[in-house]
C-alpha atoms as a PDB file:
ATOM      1  CA  MET A   1     273.451-147.082 227.643  1.00  0.00           C
ATOM      2  CA  ASP A   2     273.143-144.809 223.862  1.00  0.00           C
ATOM      3  CA  SER A   3     276.460-145.027 222.199  1.00  0.00           C
ATOM      4  CA  SER A   4     276.805-140.858 222.115  1.00  0.00           C
ATOM      5  CA  LEU A   5     276.078-140.963 226.488  1.00  0.00           C
ATOM      6  CA  ALA A   6     279.104-143.333 227.100  1.00  0.00           C
ATOM      7  CA  GLU A   7     281.174-141.432 225.367  1.00  0.00           C
ATOM      8  CA  LEU A   8     279.689-138.545 227.079  1.00  0.00           C
ATOM      9  CA  VAL A   9     280.632-140.946 230.157  1.00  0.00           C
ATOM     10  CA  ASP A  10     283.788-141.176 229.414  1.00  0.00           C
ATOM     11  CA  VAL A  11     285.166-138.159 228.729  1.00  0.00           C
ATOM     12  CA  ALA A  12     283.012-136.716 232.108  1.00  0.00           C
ATOM     13  CA  SER A  13     284.518-136.109 235.890  1.00  0.00           C
ATOM     14  CA  LEU A  14     283.598-139.223 238.363  1.00  0.00           C
ATOM     15  CA  SER A  15     279.775-138.832 240.096  1.00  0.00           C
ATOM     16  CA  LEU A  16     279.004-136.068 242.017  1.00  0.00           C
ATOM     17  CA  ALA A  17     276.741-138.066 243.954  1.00  0.00           C
ATOM     18  CA  ALA A  18     276.771-140.428 246.037  1.00  0.00           C
ATOM     19  CA  GLU A  19     275.912-144.526 243.661  1.00  0.00           C
ATOM     20  CA  ARG A  20     272.273-145.010 244.149  1.00  0.00           C
ATOM     21  CA  PRO A  21     269.952-148.017 243.402  1.00  0.00           C
ATOM     22  CA  ASN A  22     268.523-147.307 239.513  1.00  0.00           C
ATOM     23  CA  HIS A  23     264.555-148.081 240.746  1.00  0.00           C
ATOM     24  CA  GLU A  24     265.357-144.720 242.825  1.00  0.00           C
ATOM     25  CA  ILE A  25     266.346-142.358 240.058  1.00  0.00           C
ATOM     26  CA  ALA A  26     263.661-143.994 237.645  1.00  0.00           C
ATOM     27  CA  ALA A  27     261.101-142.482 240.553  1.00  0.00           C
ATOM     28  CA  TRP A  28     262.305-140.211 240.334  1.00  0.00           C
ATOM     29  CA  LEU A  29     261.732-138.892 237.591  1.00  0.00           C
ATOM     30  CA  ALA A  30     258.630-141.471 236.252  1.00  0.00           C
ATOM     31  CA  ASP A  31     256.335-138.862 235.591  1.00  0.00           C
ATOM     32  CA  ARG A  32     259.500-137.152 232.466  1.00  0.00           C
ATOM     33  CA  GLY A  33     258.144-139.680 229.688  1.00  0.00           C
ATOM     34  CA  ARG A  34     261.029-141.061 227.448  1.00  0.00           C
ATOM     35  CA  ILE A  35     263.567-138.703 228.335  1.00  0.00           C
ATOM     36  CA  GLY A  36     262.983-138.808 232.166  1.00  0.00           C
ATOM     37  CA  VAL A  37     263.230-142.880 231.306  1.00  0.00           C
ATOM     38  CA  GLU A  38     267.454-142.402 229.151  1.00  0.00           C
ATOM     39  CA  LEU A  39     268.113-139.412 231.704  1.00  0.00           C
ATOM     40  CA  ALA A  40     267.683-142.547 234.897  1.00  0.00           C
ATOM     41  CA  GLU A  41     270.225-144.737 232.817  1.00  0.00           C
ATOM     42  CA  LEU A  42     272.757-142.540 232.549  1.00  0.00           C
ATOM     43  CA  LEU A  43     272.877-141.315 236.109  1.00  0.00           C
ATOM     44  CA  GLY A  44     272.912-144.751 236.422  1.00  0.00           C
ATOM     45  CA  ARG A  45     276.126-144.834 235.629  1.00  0.00           C
ATOM     46  CA  ARG A  46     277.280-141.561 236.067  1.00  0.00           C
ATOM     47  CA  ASN A  47     275.414-139.905 239.184  1.00  0.00           C
ATOM     48  CA  GLY A  48     275.809-136.002 238.321  1.00  0.00           C
ATOM     49  CA  PHE A  49     279.659-134.643 236.809  1.00  0.00           C
ATOM     50  CA  TYR A  50     281.391-131.990 235.208  1.00  0.00           C
ATOM     51  CA  ALA A  51     282.979-131.974 232.203  1.00  0.00           C
ATOM     52  CA  PHE A  52     284.436-130.268 229.441  1.00  0.00           C
ATOM     53  CA  GLU A  53     286.802-128.851 231.920  1.00  0.00           C
ATOM     54  CA  SER A  54     283.774-128.146 234.344  1.00  0.00           C
ATOM     55  CA  ALA A  55     281.528-126.606 231.282  1.00  0.00           C
ATOM     56  CA  LEU A  56     279.392-128.320 231.262  1.00  0.00           C
ATOM     57  CA  HIS A  57     277.795-129.418 233.774  1.00  0.00           C
ATOM     58  CA  VAL A  58     274.405-132.554 234.372  1.00  0.00           C
ATOM     59  CA  PHE A  59     273.256-132.699 237.858  1.00  0.00           C
ATOM     60  CA  GLY A  60     272.858-135.674 240.064  1.00  0.00           C
ATOM     61  CA  LEU A  61     270.315-136.865 242.794  1.00  0.00           C
ATOM     62  CA  GLY A  62     271.606-135.975 246.057  1.00  0.00           C
ATOM     63  CA  ALA A  63     275.597-134.168 244.862  1.00  0.00           C
ATOM     64  CA  ALA A  64     276.548-132.377 247.472  1.00  0.00           C
ATOM     65  CA  GLU A  65     279.402-130.286 246.380  1.00  0.00           C
ATOM     66  CA  SER A  66     276.245-128.025 244.040  1.00  0.00           C
ATOM     67  CA  PRO A  67     272.736-127.891 243.786  1.00  0.00           C
ATOM     68  CA  ASP A  68     271.808-131.433 243.081  1.00  0.00           C
ATOM     69  CA  LEU A  69     269.105-132.075 240.787  1.00  0.00           C
ATOM     70  CA  GLU A  70     266.628-131.925 243.377  1.00  0.00           C
ATOM     71  CA  ARG A  71     267.212-129.156 245.113  1.00  0.00           C
ATOM     72  CA  TRP A  72     267.676-127.109 241.354  1.00  0.00           C
ATOM     73  CA  ASN A  73     264.033-127.864 240.433  1.00  0.00           C
ATOM     74  CA  ALA A  74     262.777-127.057 243.356  1.00  0.00           C
ATOM     75  CA  GLY A  75     260.635-123.691 242.112  1.00  0.00           C
ATOM     76  CA  GLU A  76     262.084-121.721 244.889  1.00  0.00           C
ATOM     77  CA  CYS A  77     265.573-122.248 244.221  1.00  0.00           C
ATOM     78  CA  TRP A  78     264.950-119.911 241.152  1.00  0.00           C
ATOM     79  CA  ARG A  79     262.773-120.527 239.102  1.00  0.00           C
ATOM     80  CA  ASP A  80     260.341-118.482 241.258  1.00  0.00           C
ATOM     81  CA  ALA A  81     262.097-116.170 239.516  1.00  0.00           C
ATOM     82  CA  TYR A  82     260.688-115.604 236.317  1.00  0.00           C
ATOM     83  CA  ALA A  83     258.007-115.406 236.855  1.00  0.00           C
ATOM     84  CA  GLY A  84     255.715-118.656 235.711  1.00  0.00           C
ATOM     85  CA  SER A  85     258.427-119.163 231.911  1.00  0.00           C
ATOM     86  CA  ALA A  86     260.830-121.494 233.638  1.00  0.00           C
ATOM     87  CA  GLU A  87     257.664-123.224 234.817  1.00  0.00           C
ATOM     88  CA  GLY A  88     257.124-127.174 232.836  1.00  0.00           C
ATOM     89  CA  TYR A  89     261.245-127.756 232.504  1.00  0.00           C
ATOM     90  CA  LEU A  90     262.828-131.060 234.270  1.00  0.00           C
ATOM     91  CA  PHE A  91     265.982-128.565 234.122  1.00  0.00           C
ATOM     92  CA  PHE A  92     269.549-131.474 234.382  1.00  0.00           C
ATOM     93  CA  ALA A  93     272.590-130.180 233.020  1.00  0.00           C
ATOM     94  CA  GLU A  94     273.880-126.737 232.012  1.00  0.00           C
ATOM     95  CA  ASP A  95     276.595-124.798 230.012  1.00  0.00           C
ATOM     96  CA  VAL A  96     279.520-122.600 232.469  1.00  0.00           C
ATOM     97  CA  PHE A  97     277.597-119.291 231.555  1.00  0.00           C
ATOM     98  CA  GLY A  98     273.951-120.576 232.656  1.00  0.00           C
ATOM     99  CA  PHE A  99     272.457-121.509 229.609  1.00  0.00           C
ATOM    100  CA  GLN A 100     270.607-124.711 230.579  1.00  0.00           C
ATOM    101  CA  TYR A 101     269.260-127.984 229.392  1.00  0.00           C
ATOM    102  CA  ALA A 102     265.894-129.379 229.921  1.00  0.00           C
ATOM    103  CA  VAL A 103     263.565-132.120 229.748  1.00  0.00           C
ATOM    104  CA  SER A 104     260.322-130.394 228.021  1.00  0.00           C
ATOM    105  CA  ALA A 105     257.632-131.157 229.511  1.00  0.00           C
ATOM    106  CA  ASP A 106     256.042-134.191 228.003  1.00  0.00           C
ATOM    107  CA  GLY A 107     259.115-135.841 228.732  1.00  0.00           C
ATOM    108  CA  GLU A 108     260.281-135.888 224.839  1.00  0.00           C
ATOM    109  CA  ARG A 109     262.108-133.085 223.911  1.00  0.00           C
ATOM    110  CA  VAL A 110     265.561-131.978 224.984  1.00  0.00           C
ATOM    111  CA  VAL A 111     265.765-127.570 224.775  1.00  0.00           C
ATOM    112  CA  LEU A 112     268.024-124.850 225.965  1.00  0.00           C
ATOM    113  CA  PHE A 113     267.091-122.137 228.451  1.00  0.00           C
ATOM    114  CA  ASP A 114     268.012-119.170 227.673  1.00  0.00           C
ATOM    115  CA  PRO A 115     268.379-117.556 230.988  1.00  0.00           C
ATOM    116  CA  GLU A 116     268.288-114.124 230.203  1.00  0.00           C
ATOM    117  CA  THR A 117     265.275-114.210 227.726  1.00  0.00           C
ATOM    118  CA  ALA A 118     263.565-117.165 228.456  1.00  0.00           C
ATOM    119  CA  GLY A 119     263.317-118.223 225.345  1.00  0.00           C
ATOM    120  CA  VAL A 120     263.384-122.406 224.055  1.00  0.00           C
ATOM    121  CA  GLU A 121     265.318-124.015 221.161  1.00  0.00           C
ATOM    122  CA  ARG A 122     264.800-127.521 220.271  1.00  0.00           C
ATOM    123  CA  VAL A 123     267.792-129.415 220.730  1.00  0.00           C
ATOM    124  CA  ALA A 124     267.321-133.036 220.230  1.00  0.00           C
ATOM    125  CA  ASP A 125     264.694-134.965 220.643  1.00  0.00           C
ATOM    126  CA  SER A 126     266.658-138.298 222.810  1.00  0.00           C
ATOM    127  CA  LEU A 127     269.010-137.612 225.001  1.00  0.00           C
ATOM    128  CA  GLY A 128     271.856-139.700 223.232  1.00  0.00           C
ATOM    129  CA  ALA A 129     270.765-137.332 220.164  1.00  0.00           C
ATOM    130  CA  TRP A 130     271.804-134.939 222.939  1.00  0.00           C
ATOM    131  CA  ALA A 131     275.116-136.054 223.574  1.00  0.00           C
ATOM    132  CA  ALA A 132     275.885-136.385 220.229  1.00  0.00           C
ATOM    133  CA  GLU A 133     274.526-132.855 219.565  1.00  0.00           C
ATOM    134  CA  VAL A 134     276.768-131.947 222.667  1.00  0.00           C
ATOM    135  CA  LEU A 135     280.118-133.668 221.461  1.00  0.00           C
ATOM    136  CA  ALA A 136     280.117-132.314 218.029  1.00  0.00           C
ATOM    137  CA  GLU A 137     279.945-129.192 218.839  1.00  0.00           C
ATOM    138  CA  ALA A 138     281.012-128.893 221.932  1.00  0.00           C
ATOM    139  CA  ASP A 139     282.518-125.433 222.829  1.00  0.00           C
ATOM    140  CA  TYR A 140     279.211-124.456 221.305  1.00  0.00           C
ATOM    141  CA  ARG A 141     276.897-125.903 223.635  1.00  0.00           C
ATOM    142  CA  THR A 142     279.749-125.971 226.483  1.00  0.00           C
ATOM    143  CA  GLY A 143     281.354-122.602 226.253  1.00  0.00           C
ATOM    144  CA  HIS A 144     284.520-124.680 226.818  1.00  0.00           C
ATOM    145  CA  PRO A 145     286.873-122.313 225.309  1.00  0.00           C
ATOM    146  CA  LEU A 146     285.659-119.373 227.228  1.00  0.00           C
ATOM    147  CA  ALA A 147     285.931-121.948 230.589  1.00  0.00           C
ATOM    148  CA  ARG A 148     288.353-122.758 229.628  1.00  0.00           C
ATOM    149  CA  ALA A 149     290.509-119.598 229.081  1.00  0.00           C
ATOM    150  CA  TRP A 150     288.973-117.826 231.588  1.00  0.00           C
ATOM    151  CA  GLN A 151     290.139-120.564 234.424  1.00  0.00           C
ATOM    152  CA  GLU A 152     293.274-120.307 233.201  1.00  0.00           C
ATOM    153  CA  ARG A 153     293.696-116.393 234.019  1.00  0.00           C
ATOM    154  CA  PHE A 154     291.741-116.502 237.601  1.00  0.00           C
ATOM    155  CA  GLY A 155     291.520-120.721 237.949  1.00  0.00           C
ATOM    156  CA  ALA A 156     289.611-123.165 238.455  1.00  0.00           C
ATOM    157  CA  LEU A 157     285.503-122.736 238.432  1.00  0.00           C
ATOM    158  CA  PRO A 158     284.944-124.167 242.065  1.00  0.00           C
ATOM    159  CA  PRO A 159     281.738-126.186 241.808  1.00  0.00           C
ATOM    160  CA  GLY A 160     278.301-124.469 241.513  1.00  0.00           C
ATOM    161  CA  SER A 161     279.113-121.876 239.954  1.00  0.00           C
ATOM    162  CA  ARG A 162     278.669-120.556 236.706  1.00  0.00           C
ATOM    163  CA  LEU A 163     280.587-118.288 234.027  1.00  0.00           C
ATOM    164  CA  LEU A 164     277.913-114.858 233.808  1.00  0.00           C
ATOM    165  CA  PRO A 165     278.468-112.075 231.102  1.00  0.00           C
ATOM    166  CA  LYS A 166     279.179-108.135 232.931  1.00  0.00           C
ATOM    167  CA  MET A 167     277.748-106.703 230.190  1.00  0.00           C
ATOM    168  CA  PRO A 168     274.340-109.307 229.493  1.00  0.00           C
ATOM    169  CA  PHE A 169     274.955-110.521 226.311  1.00  0.00           C
ATOM    170  CA  VAL A 170     270.908-110.039 224.820  1.00  0.00           C
ATOM    171  CA  ALA A 171     272.267-106.500 225.182  1.00  0.00           C
ATOM    172  CA  GLY A 172     275.086-106.835 223.413  1.00  0.00           C
ATOM    173  CA  GLY A 173     277.437-107.925 225.662  1.00  0.00           C
ATOM    174  CA  LYS A 174     280.433-110.273 224.256  1.00  0.00           C
ATOM    175  CA  TYR A 175     281.089-113.867 224.174  1.00  0.00           C
ATOM    176  CA  GLU A 176     284.659-113.038 225.728  1.00  0.00           C
ATOM    177  CA  VAL A 177     287.263-113.635 228.927  1.00  0.00           C
ATOM    178  CA  ASP A 178     287.128-109.966 229.518  1.00  0.00           C
ATOM    179  CA  ASN A 179     282.967-109.791 230.089  1.00  0.00           C
ATOM    180  CA  LEU A 180     283.362-112.699 232.628  1.00  0.00           C
ATOM    181  CA  TYR A 181     282.988-113.068 236.423  1.00  0.00           C
ATOM    182  CA  LEU A 182     282.388-115.682 238.728  1.00  0.00           C
ATOM    183  CA  LEU A 183     279.071-115.730 240.753  1.00  0.00           C
ATOM    184  CA  ASP A 184     277.610-118.789 242.970  1.00  0.00           C
ATOM    185  CA  ALA A 185     274.782-120.772 239.611  1.00  0.00           C
ATOM    186  CA  VAL A 186     271.560-120.551 241.908  1.00  0.00           C
ATOM    187  CA  GLU A 187     272.048-117.162 242.165  1.00  0.00           C
ATOM    188  CA  GLY A 188     273.327-116.166 238.623  1.00  0.00           C
ATOM    189  CA  MET A 189     270.233-117.814 237.849  1.00  0.00           C
ATOM    190  CA  ARG A 190     268.911-114.685 239.665  1.00  0.00           C
ATOM    191  CA  VAL A 191     270.256-112.375 238.661  1.00  0.00           C
ATOM    192  CA  ARG A 192     268.901-113.222 235.236  1.00  0.00           C
ATOM    193  CA  GLY A 193     265.516-113.797 234.985  1.00  0.00           C
ATOM    194  CA  SER A 194     265.034-110.158 236.799  1.00  0.00           C
ATOM    195  CA  ILE A 195     265.864-109.366 233.309  1.00  0.00           C
ATOM    196  CA  ALA A 196     263.933-111.507 231.692  1.00  0.00           C
ATOM    197  CA  VAL A 197     261.033-110.655 232.845  1.00  0.00           C
ATOM    198  CA  GLN A 198     262.155-106.704 232.701  1.00  0.00           C
ATOM    199  CA  ILE A 199     262.203-107.816 228.960  1.00  0.00           C
ATOM    200  CA  ARG A 200     259.512-110.344 227.593  1.00  0.00           C
ATOM    201  CA  ASP A 201     257.036-108.698 226.417  1.00  0.00           C
ATOM    202  CA  LEU A 202     259.592-105.626 224.259  1.00  0.00           C
ATOM    203  CA  PRO A 203     259.403-105.662 221.111  1.00  0.00           C
ATOM    204  CA  GLU A 204     263.478-106.377 219.747  1.00  0.00           C
ATOM    205  CA  GLY A 205     265.120-103.394 219.077  1.00  0.00           C
ATOM    206  CA  THR A 206     263.843-101.525 222.389  1.00  0.00           C
ATOM    207  CA  PRO A 207     266.299-100.069 223.504  1.00  0.00           C
ATOM    208  CA  ILE A 208     266.754-101.649 227.614  1.00  0.00           C
ATOM    209  CA  ARG A 209     268.191-100.663 231.124  1.00  0.00           C
ATOM    210  CA  PHE A 210     268.523-103.250 233.631  1.00  0.00           C
ATOM    211  CA  GLU A 211     267.590-103.175 236.710  1.00  0.00           C
ATOM    212  CA  ILE A 212     268.928-106.025 238.979  1.00  0.00           C
ATOM    213  CA  THR A 213     267.257-106.524 242.436  1.00  0.00           C
END
């Protein structure tokens, strides 16, 4: 295993799902290219986990305590709320705000999917490079400081939940505890999907009024 992935596993929680034979995980990820192979190796070592005080969540295959990798990527879970903008990706991890790390459609890149805009940022060209980026910039890549501050005030984050901004970040909401609230991760993605669809064709700087459905 890549040394950065091994280091990430070392700071992670116990597996969220029961151990599964590597060939079963590899078979499920067989059409996800080179990075799918790397993800299968990671999940074979630690089948889903939380890290950085629950700020980073990596989905396991068959996890019971939170949406597992298969359910999370099902169209009816939350992807359909984005009206096509979330298609083609395999979402395998998320930060504390629900920004999604995903394998690109060609299996050659790790990208970051913004749940409020459906914008996509290229992060790394391998899963090991993604792990190195997360480890080197954990505050930025996971939201760890705000995850810690929120939990110090309100208690531990329940499995399957994320922290959402009361005022969306895209609308100028601040990255601070007072602007955050706890919500089920699936519901949170569906809420942001509604926002993303409403604003995706607007020119930058256009005044916006959200209708949450």
